[in-house]
Amino acid sequence: MAGASATAAAPSVPVVAGPAAGRGYKRRYWPFALPATIVIVAVIVFPWVFTLYMSAHEWRIGSAREYVGFDNFLRLAADQRFIESIWHTFYFTALAVVLPIIFGTAAAIVFHRKFPFRGVLRATFVMPMMATPVAVALVWTMMFHPQLGVLNYLLTSIGLPPQSWVYSVETVIPTLVLVEVWHWTPLVMLIVLGGLAALPTEPYEAAHIDGANAWHAFRHITLPLVWPFIMVAIIIRTIDALKAFDTIFVITQGGPGTASETINLFLYLQAFAFYNMGYASAVVVVFFAIIVVLSLLLLHTRQRSKWI
């Protein structure tokens, strides 16, 4: 009897179940996602939709828009200057990725060893990365001057002929890559150095017992283990090199002629020098497609790279 009365006196708790509960839960929380959704639509979705819309129109600032369909893209396919800018972009990107990866990995291996003043030398090596690209470009522009530049002075002081640097069609892109290598090799060094610091010591001890020399240890132990970190550096450098604009614009402005005009500079001139916004929007769409393809290839390679 006592148990029955206690049970009867217990308050009843309403239980809400079924689809109504789910609908109420969603109604309660969806407003929290609304601000982020509005920001994403305003900052990312709308600009891209508007760019696609503009790429199908012929529009110069100050004149009326005219729908032309795919004419802008057909015009790009026949534009020799745009095709050359694609080649310049790939050429610049390839050199600006491969060389810092090689030199940065070598520097990381050197600085991973213990020697006197290692910390001071590390800090000195990293200093170029702290400078802004425009400041770096201005300094190197003075150094590349044919008559007053310090680089030609150093070459002539050791008996070598002076170089044209950025004033020659043949050497302008390799010279710009030289600036990129100086500026961003420290970043690669830091990434690879972090990977080297995380490596286990047991494989090296076993290799030493088996009689492996330093090259064999690097080839069969260090490089496979640190390869995922190198892939991260490759992805970061590829992104930086593809979007490079400020350094090239300050030093050469795409010259001499159009010898160093990348897609970014071609796009800038079409949009802000010639005010051809429809044609520039088509360039953006094509450039975005190129970036998507390269990103998928890099991500696929990154997924396949793993610790062995």
Protein backbone atom coordinates (compact mmCIF):
# COMPACT_ATOMS: atom_id res chain seq x y z
CA MET A 1 0.00 0.00 0.00
CA ALA A 2 2.80 2.40 0.87
CA GLY A 3 4.56 1.68 -2.43
CA ALA A 4 1.34 2.17 -4.36
CA SER A 5 0.60 5.50 -2.69
CA ALA A 6 4.16 6.70 -3.33
CA THR A 7 3.82 5.77 -6.97
CA ALA A 8 0.54 7.57 -7.24
CA ALA A 9 1.98 10.69 -5.61
CA ALA A 10 4.95 10.92 -8.00
CA PRO A 11 4.57 13.82 -10.44
CA SER A 12 4.12 12.89 -14.03
CA VAL A 13 6.75 14.18 -16.51
CA PRO A 14 5.41 14.96 -19.97
CA VAL A 15 7.33 13.18 -22.68
CA VAL A 16 7.42 14.72 -26.12
CA ALA A 17 8.30 12.27 -28.82
CA GLY A 18 7.86 11.85 -32.50
CA PRO A 19 8.22 14.31 -35.38
CA ALA A 20 6.83 17.22 -33.37
CA ALA A 21 9.83 17.10 -31.02
CA GLY A 22 12.26 17.19 -33.92
CA ARG A 23 10.49 20.13 -35.51
CA GLY A 24 10.52 22.06 -32.25
CA TYR A 25 14.22 21.36 -31.78
CA LYS A 26 15.02 22.71 -35.24
CA ARG A 27 12.87 25.77 -34.75
CA ARG A 28 14.71 26.49 -31.55
CA TYR A 29 18.24 26.37 -32.98
CA TRP A 30 18.16 27.35 -36.67
CA PRO A 31 18.37 31.13 -35.93
CA PHE A 32 21.87 30.57 -34.52
CA ALA A 33 23.08 29.39 -37.95
CA LEU A 34 21.37 32.22 -39.80
CA PRO A 35 24.07 34.92 -39.27
CA ALA A 36 26.87 32.64 -40.49
CA THR A 37 24.75 31.61 -43.48
CA ILE A 38 24.11 35.25 -44.39
CA VAL A 39 27.82 36.06 -44.16
CA ILE A 40 28.79 33.07 -46.33
CA VAL A 41 26.21 33.98 -48.96
CA ALA A 42 27.21 37.66 -48.97
CA VAL A 43 30.99 37.14 -48.96
CA ILE A 44 31.43 33.94 -51.00
CA VAL A 45 28.33 32.83 -52.88
CA PHE A 46 27.05 36.15 -54.20
CA PRO A 47 30.46 37.37 -55.55
CA TRP A 48 30.92 34.12 -57.47
CA VAL A 49 27.40 34.16 -58.87
CA PHE A 50 27.85 37.79 -59.91
CA THR A 51 31.23 36.98 -61.49
CA LEU A 52 29.64 34.20 -63.55
CA TYR A 53 26.89 36.61 -64.54
CA MET A 54 29.40 39.27 -65.57
CA SER A 55 31.50 36.79 -67.54
CA ALA A 56 28.55 36.35 -69.91
CA HIS A 57 28.34 40.10 -70.59
CA GLU A 58 30.37 42.70 -72.41
CA TRP A 59 30.68 45.58 -69.99
CA ARG A 60 33.10 48.43 -69.77
CA ILE A 61 32.78 50.84 -66.87
CA GLY A 62 30.69 53.78 -68.01
CA SER A 63 28.79 51.85 -70.69
CA ALA A 64 25.74 49.60 -70.70
CA ARG A 65 26.04 45.85 -70.20
CA GLU A 66 25.43 43.62 -73.21
CA TYR A 67 24.79 39.88 -73.01
CA VAL A 68 27.32 37.96 -75.14
CA GLY A 69 27.03 34.42 -73.77
CA PHE A 70 30.30 32.50 -74.15
CA ASP A 71 31.94 35.07 -76.42
CA ASN A 72 34.32 36.23 -73.68
CA PHE A 73 35.58 32.67 -73.17
CA LEU A 74 35.98 32.14 -76.91
CA ARG A 75 37.87 35.41 -77.03
CA LEU A 76 40.16 34.20 -74.24
CA ALA A 77 40.90 30.99 -76.12
CA ALA A 78 42.11 33.06 -79.08
CA ASP A 79 43.92 35.71 -77.01
CA GLN A 80 47.63 35.00 -77.44
CA ARG A 81 48.51 37.36 -74.59
CA PHE A 82 46.28 35.42 -72.18
CA ILE A 83 47.71 32.08 -73.31
CA GLU A 84 51.22 33.42 -72.72
CA SER A 85 50.19 34.60 -69.25
CA ILE A 86 49.12 31.02 -68.43
CA TRP A 87 52.54 29.76 -69.52
CA HIS A 88 54.27 32.47 -67.47
CA THR A 89 52.18 31.54 -64.42
CA PHE A 90 53.03 27.83 -64.64
CA TYR A 91 56.71 28.54 -65.33
CA PHE A 92 56.96 30.92 -62.39
CA THR A 93 55.00 28.59 -60.09
CA ALA A 94 57.07 25.52 -60.93
CA LEU A 95 60.37 27.25 -60.20
CA ALA A 96 59.00 29.08 -57.15
CA VAL A 97 57.87 25.76 -55.64
CA VAL A 98 60.70 23.37 -56.55
CA LEU A 99 63.65 25.58 -55.60
CA PRO A 100 62.41 26.65 -52.13
CA ILE A 101 61.49 23.03 -51.38
CA ILE A 102 65.00 21.84 -52.24
CA PHE A 103 66.83 24.63 -50.44
CA GLY A 104 64.42 24.68 -47.50
CA THR A 105 64.76 20.93 -46.95
CA ALA A 106 68.53 21.18 -47.13
CA ALA A 107 68.52 24.08 -44.66
CA ALA A 108 66.25 22.14 -42.29
CA ILE A 109 68.64 19.18 -42.31
CA VAL A 110 71.56 21.49 -41.56
CA PHE A 111 69.81 23.37 -38.76
CA HIS A 112 68.50 20.13 -37.25
CA ARG A 113 72.03 19.24 -36.24
CA LYS A 114 73.57 20.69 -33.11
CA PHE A 115 76.41 23.17 -33.57
CA PRO A 116 77.52 26.45 -31.97
CA PHE A 117 75.28 29.50 -32.50
CA ARG A 118 72.59 27.37 -34.10
CA GLY A 119 69.79 29.44 -32.55
CA VAL A 120 71.24 32.74 -33.78
CA LEU A 121 71.74 31.38 -37.28
CA ARG A 122 68.21 29.99 -37.34
CA ALA A 123 66.77 33.36 -36.39
CA THR A 124 68.88 35.08 -39.04
CA PHE A 125 67.78 32.61 -41.70
CA VAL A 126 64.10 33.18 -40.89
CA MET A 127 64.29 36.98 -41.03
CA PRO A 128 63.49 37.40 -44.79
CA MET A 129 60.11 35.75 -44.26
CA MET A 130 59.12 38.52 -41.82
CA ALA A 131 59.40 41.30 -44.42
CA THR A 132 56.37 42.40 -46.44
CA PRO A 133 56.39 41.47 -50.16
CA VAL A 134 56.25 45.09 -51.34
CA ALA A 135 59.22 46.08 -49.18
CA VAL A 136 61.15 43.05 -50.43
CA ALA A 137 60.30 43.94 -54.02
CA LEU A 138 61.48 47.54 -53.61
CA VAL A 139 64.82 46.44 -52.13
CA TRP A 140 65.44 43.87 -54.85
CA THR A 141 64.46 46.38 -57.54
CA MET A 142 67.34 48.60 -56.45
CA MET A 143 69.67 45.61 -56.34
CA PHE A 144 68.72 44.60 -59.92
CA HIS A 145 69.56 48.02 -61.41
CA PRO A 146 71.97 47.49 -64.35
CA GLN A 147 74.33 50.36 -63.44
CA LEU A 148 73.68 51.13 -59.77
CA GLY A 149 72.64 47.70 -58.48
CA VAL A 150 74.81 45.88 -55.98
CA LEU A 151 74.41 42.53 -57.75
CA ASN A 152 76.16 43.62 -60.93
CA TYR A 153 78.82 45.34 -58.82
CA LEU A 154 79.53 42.04 -57.05
CA LEU A 155 79.66 40.17 -60.36
CA THR A 156 82.08 42.60 -61.96
CA SER A 157 84.27 42.64 -58.83
CA ILE A 158 84.95 38.92 -59.27
CA GLY A 159 85.47 39.16 -63.01
CA LEU A 160 82.02 38.06 -64.22
CA PRO A 161 80.00 40.03 -66.78
CA PRO A 162 77.01 42.08 -65.52
CA GLN A 163 73.54 40.62 -66.05
CA SER A 164 70.31 42.15 -67.32
CA TRP A 165 68.24 40.55 -64.53
CA VAL A 166 64.62 41.74 -64.85
CA TYR A 167 65.41 43.86 -67.91
CA SER A 168 65.78 40.87 -70.22
CA VAL A 169 63.01 38.67 -71.61
CA GLU A 170 65.09 35.52 -71.09
CA THR A 171 66.03 36.17 -67.45
CA VAL A 172 63.09 38.09 -66.00
CA ILE A 173 61.10 35.14 -64.64
CA PRO A 174 64.13 33.27 -63.20
CA THR A 175 65.15 36.56 -61.56
CA LEU A 176 61.70 36.98 -60.02
CA VAL A 177 61.93 33.40 -58.79
CA LEU A 178 65.23 34.34 -57.13
CA VAL A 179 63.31 36.86 -55.01
CA GLU A 180 60.69 34.21 -54.15
CA VAL A 181 63.39 31.72 -53.15
CA TRP A 182 65.07 34.25 -50.88
CA HIS A 183 61.75 35.29 -49.36
CA TRP A 184 60.01 31.95 -48.76
CA THR A 185 62.72 29.31 -48.34
CA PRO A 186 62.68 29.98 -44.55
CA LEU A 187 59.01 28.97 -44.43
CA VAL A 188 59.79 25.60 -46.01
CA MET A 189 62.71 25.22 -43.62
CA LEU A 190 60.46 25.75 -40.59
CA ILE A 191 57.86 23.23 -41.80
CA VAL A 192 60.43 20.53 -42.57
CA LEU A 193 62.34 21.30 -39.38
CA GLY A 194 59.20 20.63 -37.38
CA GLY A 195 58.88 17.28 -39.12
CA LEU A 196 62.51 16.39 -38.41
CA ALA A 197 62.05 17.22 -34.73
CA ALA A 198 59.18 14.73 -34.53
CA LEU A 199 61.07 11.79 -36.06
CA PRO A 200 61.83 8.77 -33.86
CA THR A 201 65.44 7.81 -33.16
CA GLU A 202 65.03 4.03 -33.23
CA PRO A 203 65.21 3.62 -37.04
CA TYR A 204 68.49 5.57 -37.14
CA GLU A 205 69.99 3.44 -34.37
CA ALA A 206 69.02 0.26 -36.21
CA ALA A 207 70.42 1.62 -39.50
CA HIS A 208 73.69 2.55 -37.77
CA ILE A 209 74.01 -0.96 -36.39
CA ASP A 210 73.39 -2.39 -39.88
CA GLY A 211 76.20 -0.23 -41.27
CA ALA A 212 74.16 2.35 -43.19
CA ASN A 213 75.94 5.60 -44.03
CA ALA A 214 74.48 9.12 -43.82
CA TRP A 215 73.13 9.08 -47.38
CA HIS A 216 71.36 5.75 -46.92
CA ALA A 217 69.82 6.97 -43.66
CA PHE A 218 68.54 10.11 -45.38
CA ARG A 219 67.30 8.28 -48.49
CA HIS A 220 65.54 5.38 -46.77
CA ILE A 221 64.57 6.83 -43.37
CA THR A 222 64.53 10.62 -43.20
CA LEU A 223 62.99 11.38 -46.58
CA PRO A 224 60.08 8.87 -46.36
CA LEU A 225 59.26 9.90 -42.79
CA VAL A 226 59.41 13.63 -43.46
CA TRP A 227 57.68 13.47 -46.85
CA PRO A 228 54.18 14.36 -45.50
CA PHE A 229 55.63 17.57 -44.08
CA ILE A 230 57.28 18.32 -47.42
CA MET A 231 53.90 17.82 -49.11
CA VAL A 232 52.36 20.41 -46.78
CA ALA A 233 55.14 22.83 -47.76
CA ILE A 234 54.54 22.08 -51.45
CA ILE A 235 50.83 22.84 -51.13
CA ILE A 236 51.45 26.10 -49.28
CA ARG A 237 54.13 27.22 -51.73
CA THR A 238 51.95 26.35 -54.74
CA ILE A 239 49.11 28.46 -53.37
CA ASP A 240 51.47 31.37 -52.69
CA ALA A 241 53.13 31.16 -56.10
CA LEU A 242 49.86 30.96 -58.03
CA LYS A 243 48.49 34.08 -56.39
CA ALA A 244 51.77 36.02 -56.54
CA PHE A 245 51.06 39.56 -57.65
CA ASP A 246 52.61 42.26 -55.48
CA THR A 247 56.25 41.27 -55.96
CA ILE A 248 55.94 40.89 -59.73
CA PHE A 249 53.91 44.07 -60.12
CA VAL A 250 56.30 46.21 -58.09
CA ILE A 251 59.47 44.91 -59.78
CA THR A 252 58.43 44.51 -63.43
CA GLN A 253 54.72 45.38 -63.84
CA GLY A 254 54.62 42.43 -66.25
CA GLY A 255 57.57 43.60 -68.36
CA PRO A 256 59.74 43.82 -70.24
CA GLY A 257 56.83 43.92 -72.66
CA THR A 258 54.65 41.07 -71.40
CA ALA A 259 57.49 38.65 -70.58
CA SER A 260 56.55 38.36 -66.89
CA GLU A 261 52.81 38.96 -67.15
CA THR A 262 51.07 36.22 -65.17
CA ILE A 263 47.33 35.58 -65.06
CA ASN A 264 46.98 37.82 -62.02
CA LEU A 265 48.63 40.75 -63.79
CA PHE A 266 46.63 40.12 -66.97
CA LEU A 267 43.46 40.13 -64.87
CA TYR A 268 44.48 43.32 -63.08
CA LEU A 269 45.13 45.14 -66.36
CA GLN A 270 41.86 44.03 -67.91
CA ALA A 271 39.83 45.08 -64.88
CA PHE A 272 41.57 48.20 -63.55
CA ALA A 273 43.57 49.54 -66.51
CA PHE A 274 41.28 48.77 -69.46
CA TYR A 275 38.04 48.70 -67.36
CA ASN A 276 36.82 45.65 -69.28
CA MET A 277 34.92 44.05 -66.42
CA GLY A 278 33.11 41.37 -68.42
CA TYR A 279 36.31 40.09 -70.01
CA ALA A 280 38.10 40.22 -66.63
CA SER A 281 35.29 38.18 -65.06
CA ALA A 282 35.82 35.49 -67.69
CA VAL A 283 39.52 35.46 -66.78
CA VAL A 284 38.54 34.95 -63.12
CA VAL A 285 36.35 31.97 -64.02
CA VAL A 286 39.11 30.32 -66.08
CA PHE A 287 41.71 31.00 -63.39
CA PHE A 288 39.40 29.52 -60.76
CA ALA A 289 39.00 26.36 -62.85
CA ILE A 290 42.79 26.05 -63.13
CA ILE A 291 43.17 26.47 -59.36
CA VAL A 292 40.48 23.83 -58.69
CA VAL A 293 42.22 21.29 -60.92
CA LEU A 294 45.62 21.92 -59.31
CA SER A 295 44.09 21.79 -55.82
CA LEU A 296 42.48 18.43 -56.52
CA LEU A 297 45.78 17.04 -57.82
CA LEU A 298 47.67 18.32 -54.78
CA LEU A 299 45.09 17.01 -52.33
CA HIS A 300 45.10 13.63 -54.06
CA THR A 301 48.89 13.52 -53.80
CA ARG A 302 48.70 14.62 -50.17
CA GLN A 303 46.26 11.80 -49.36
CA ARG A 304 48.56 9.25 -50.96
CA SER A 305 51.59 10.47 -49.03
CA LYS A 306 51.90 8.71 -45.70
CA TRP A 307 54.45 7.68 -43.15
CA ILE A 308 56.30 4.51 -44.12
